[in-house]
Protein backbone atom coordinates (compact mmCIF):
# COMPACT_ATOMS: atom_id res chain seq x y z
CA MET A 1 16.62 -144.51 -0.84
CA MET A 2 17.58 -146.50 2.48
CA LYS A 3 20.34 -145.97 4.32
CA ALA A 4 22.58 -148.90 5.32
CA PRO A 5 21.96 -149.98 9.04
CA ILE A 6 25.23 -148.74 11.53
CA ASP A 7 27.57 -150.97 12.60
CA ASN A 8 28.80 -150.28 16.00
CA GLU A 9 31.10 -153.25 15.57
CA PRO A 10 34.84 -152.28 16.16
CA ALA A 11 36.75 -152.89 13.10
CA PRO A 12 38.62 -155.87 12.66
CA LYS A 13 36.06 -157.07 14.48
CA ILE A 14 36.62 -159.34 17.63
CA ARG A 15 36.38 -162.76 17.55
CA GLY A 16 33.27 -163.86 19.49
CA GLY A 17 31.66 -160.29 19.33
CA ALA A 18 29.40 -159.62 22.49
CA ILE A 19 29.38 -162.82 23.54
CA ARG A 20 32.76 -162.99 24.53
CA THR A 21 32.97 -165.26 27.89
CA SER A 22 34.39 -164.01 30.62
CA ARG A 23 37.31 -165.02 33.00
CA ARG A 24 36.77 -165.74 36.52
CA ILE A 25 39.21 -163.67 38.88
CA ASP A 26 41.04 -165.35 41.58
CA ARG A 27 41.22 -162.92 44.52
CA SER A 28 44.03 -165.01 46.00
CA GLU A 29 46.40 -163.76 43.28
CA PHE A 30 45.71 -160.18 44.37
CA PRO A 31 46.09 -159.28 48.46
CA ALA A 32 45.47 -155.65 48.45
CA LEU A 33 42.06 -156.17 46.97
CA GLN A 34 41.53 -158.71 49.45
CA ALA A 35 42.96 -156.79 51.80
CA ARG A 36 40.83 -153.38 50.71
CA GLU A 37 37.64 -155.76 50.63
CA ARG A 38 38.20 -157.43 54.49
CA VAL A 39 38.50 -153.89 55.76
CA LEU A 40 35.46 -152.46 53.73
CA ASN A 41 33.71 -155.32 55.11
CA ALA A 42 34.41 -154.33 58.59
CA LEU A 43 33.79 -150.93 57.79
CA ARG A 44 30.02 -151.64 56.95
CA ALA A 45 29.17 -153.30 60.11
CA HIS A 46 25.85 -152.19 61.32
CA ASP A 47 26.02 -152.26 64.61
CA PRO A 48 28.66 -149.84 66.25
CA ASP A 49 30.12 -152.65 68.90
CA SER A 50 30.56 -154.85 65.80
CA ARG A 51 32.16 -152.43 63.81
CA ASP A 52 34.58 -151.87 66.75
CA ARG A 53 35.28 -155.73 67.81
CA ALA A 54 36.45 -155.82 63.48
CA MET A 55 37.79 -152.71 63.05
CA ALA A 56 40.16 -154.35 66.59
CA ALA A 57 40.59 -157.01 64.40
CA LEU A 58 42.33 -155.47 62.07
CA PRO A 59 46.32 -156.26 61.44
CA GLU A 60 48.64 -153.36 61.72
CA SER A 61 49.36 -153.48 58.14
CA ASP A 62 45.64 -152.26 57.43
CA LEU A 63 46.22 -149.13 59.15
CA ALA A 64 47.26 -147.32 56.37
CA LEU A 65 44.34 -148.45 53.98
CA LEU A 66 42.32 -147.70 56.88
CA ARG A 67 43.73 -143.79 56.12
CA VAL A 68 43.19 -144.31 52.80
CA ILE A 69 39.64 -145.22 52.76
CA ALA A 70 38.96 -141.92 55.01
CA GLN A 71 40.44 -139.48 52.50
CA GLU A 72 38.10 -141.00 49.90
CA GLY A 73 36.15 -138.12 48.59
CA ALA A 74 32.74 -138.98 46.43
CA ILE A 75 34.66 -139.52 43.41
CA SER A 76 36.06 -142.39 44.38
CA ASN A 77 32.84 -143.59 44.75
CA THR A 78 33.10 -145.03 48.79
CA GLU A 79 30.02 -144.85 50.58
CA PRO A 80 29.85 -141.69 52.88
CA ALA A 81 29.39 -143.86 56.52
CA VAL A 82 31.54 -146.10 55.20
CA ARG A 83 34.62 -142.99 54.97
CA TYR A 84 32.94 -141.63 58.21
CA ASN A 85 33.27 -145.02 59.69
CA ALA A 86 36.93 -145.07 58.46
CA ILE A 87 37.69 -141.35 60.38
CA ALA A 88 36.31 -142.66 63.41
CA ALA A 89 38.43 -146.05 63.28
CA LEU A 90 41.48 -143.76 62.90
CA ALA A 91 41.11 -142.37 66.38
CA SER A 92 41.96 -146.02 68.45
CA SER A 93 44.95 -146.78 65.74
CA GLY A 94 47.25 -144.04 68.05
CA ALA A 95 49.71 -143.58 65.35
CA PRO A 96 51.11 -140.24 65.08
CA GLU A 97 49.87 -140.70 60.70
CA SER A 98 47.00 -141.48 61.71
CA LEU A 99 46.22 -138.07 64.61
CA ASN A 100 48.02 -135.89 61.79
CA LEU A 101 44.99 -137.10 59.14
CA LEU A 102 42.85 -136.72 61.58
CA THR A 103 44.05 -133.07 62.17
CA ASP A 104 44.06 -132.36 58.69
CA LEU A 105 40.82 -133.70 57.81
CA ALA A 106 39.39 -131.52 60.42
CA HIS A 107 40.69 -128.43 59.17
CA PHE A 108 40.72 -128.57 55.59
CA GLY A 109 37.91 -131.47 55.19
CA GLU A 110 35.78 -130.65 51.86
CA ASP A 111 32.58 -130.51 53.77
CA PHE A 112 31.37 -129.88 57.78
CA TYR A 113 30.36 -133.55 57.86
CA VAL A 114 33.80 -134.53 57.18
CA ARG A 115 35.60 -132.00 59.48
CA GLY A 116 32.67 -132.67 61.84
CA HIS A 117 33.45 -136.26 61.93
CA ALA A 118 37.11 -135.84 62.52
CA LEU A 119 36.70 -133.75 64.74
CA LEU A 120 34.85 -136.04 66.91
CA ALA A 121 37.56 -138.93 65.85
CA LEU A 122 40.06 -136.42 67.54
CA GLY A 123 37.99 -136.17 71.03
CA ALA A 124 37.56 -139.61 71.25
CA ALA A 125 41.21 -139.92 70.82
CA GLY A 126 41.35 -138.31 73.91
CA LEU A 127 44.15 -136.35 73.47
CA GLN A 128 44.52 -132.57 74.80
CA ILE A 129 47.08 -131.37 72.39
CA ALA A 130 44.33 -131.61 70.16
CA LEU A 131 42.69 -129.11 71.78
CA PRO A 132 43.74 -125.87 69.55
CA ALA A 133 42.82 -127.78 66.84
CA ILE A 134 39.30 -128.67 68.02
CA VAL A 135 37.96 -125.22 69.94
CA THR A 136 38.13 -123.28 66.33
CA HIS A 137 35.44 -125.38 65.00
CA LEU A 138 33.49 -123.86 68.19
CA SER A 139 32.21 -120.56 66.22
CA ALA A 140 32.08 -122.53 62.55
CA ASP A 141 29.32 -121.80 60.74
CA ASP A 142 27.46 -125.27 60.18
CA LYS A 143 25.53 -126.41 63.36
CA PHE A 144 26.76 -130.52 63.44
CA GLU A 145 30.29 -129.13 62.91
CA GLN A 146 29.59 -126.55 66.12
CA SER A 147 28.14 -129.37 67.75
CA ALA A 148 31.02 -132.02 66.64
CA ALA A 149 33.87 -129.91 68.00
CA ARG A 150 31.38 -129.17 71.62
CA ARG A 151 31.31 -133.05 71.57
CA ALA A 152 34.67 -133.24 71.11
CA VAL A 153 35.74 -130.95 74.29
CA ALA A 154 33.95 -133.13 76.24
CA LEU A 155 35.04 -136.37 75.05
CA ILE A 156 38.76 -135.66 75.94
CA ALA A 157 37.05 -134.66 79.11
CA LYS A 158 35.54 -137.65 79.94
CA LYS A 159 38.98 -139.93 79.05
CA THR A 160 41.04 -137.03 80.66
CA SER A 161 39.93 -134.99 83.40
CA ALA A 162 38.21 -131.63 83.46
CA GLU A 163 40.48 -129.94 85.38
CA GLY A 164 43.73 -131.28 82.95
CA VAL A 165 41.37 -129.42 79.59
CA GLN A 166 40.50 -126.26 81.48
CA ALA A 167 44.24 -126.18 82.84
CA HIS A 168 45.12 -126.88 78.71
CA ALA A 169 42.28 -123.84 78.02
CA SER A 170 43.65 -121.48 80.03
CA LEU A 171 46.64 -121.39 77.05
CA LEU A 172 43.66 -120.60 74.58
CA ALA A 173 42.22 -117.26 73.18
CA GLU A 174 39.95 -115.53 75.20
CA GLU A 175 36.87 -116.63 72.98
CA PHE A 176 37.57 -120.55 73.44
CA ARG A 177 38.70 -120.09 76.96
CA ALA A 178 34.85 -119.09 77.57
CA GLU A 179 33.42 -121.30 75.55
CA VAL A 180 35.42 -124.47 77.38
CA SER A 181 34.40 -123.30 80.41
CA ARG A 182 30.55 -123.32 79.26
CA ILE A 183 30.99 -127.02 77.97
CA LEU A 184 32.64 -128.05 80.99
CA ALA A 185 30.11 -127.01 83.41
CA GLU A 186 27.28 -128.38 81.31
CA LEU A 187 29.40 -131.95 81.69
CA GLY A 188 29.51 -131.38 85.03
CA ARG A 189 25.83 -130.59 85.41
CA ALA A 190 25.03 -133.88 83.40
CA LYS A 191 27.01 -136.01 85.41
CA LYS A 192 25.65 -134.95 88.69
CA ARG A 193 22.13 -135.58 86.80
CA GLY A 194 23.31 -139.60 85.99
CA ASP A 195 23.20 -138.98 81.82
CA ILE A 196 23.81 -141.92 80.18
CA ARG A 197 27.79 -140.96 78.10
CA ILE A 198 27.02 -140.15 74.94
CA THR A 199 29.65 -141.70 72.74
CA PRO A 200 30.46 -140.64 69.23
CA GLN A 201 28.32 -142.98 67.68
CA ARG A 202 25.28 -141.72 69.64
CA MET A 203 25.88 -138.59 68.62
CA GLU A 204 25.90 -139.21 65.42
CA ARG A 205 22.47 -141.30 65.67
CA ARG A 206 21.20 -138.58 67.01
CA GLU A 207 22.10 -135.80 64.54
CA ALA A 208 20.37 -137.60 62.07
CA ARG A 209 17.00 -137.79 63.52
């Protein structure tokens, strides 16, 4: 005896069934959605210069959204590159909330990529007070995180002065003082050789090779 076919339609049946017509949503009714799309489009720009210009054009009100995206992990379905770009963009905001978030991500980010990109952003911000947070990662287990910490120290020295970084390093533990001195010495040799300036974006491309 044949069994009756299984009816997967809910009961009571929905009028129109599986062919219900969809309704187009007017995005102007959802300003928060428009703001997120605007920020995401800026962060997805492939060319770093174009991305920087797009980020500079964002209004101050989008900074809070930028911080949210910088914290979104894999569960949010945000592309990793978009999140890393959001982290990098926070360096130029100068807002205390942004710099505090970068420090938190550098220390407590869920993986070495997040921590490394946060370290690069702290370096790009050019704040000598960030050195104590950065140098603790010079002895990180992962090479990318180590390299990011070294580059962050070099970026701060380029944006301020090697002498200023050396003075602040004198307040650190001996192991970190010695490592900072080596970084500054290499930076001095690179300047004498006329090496090109390596931006965080260029470093990311170099590490990806």
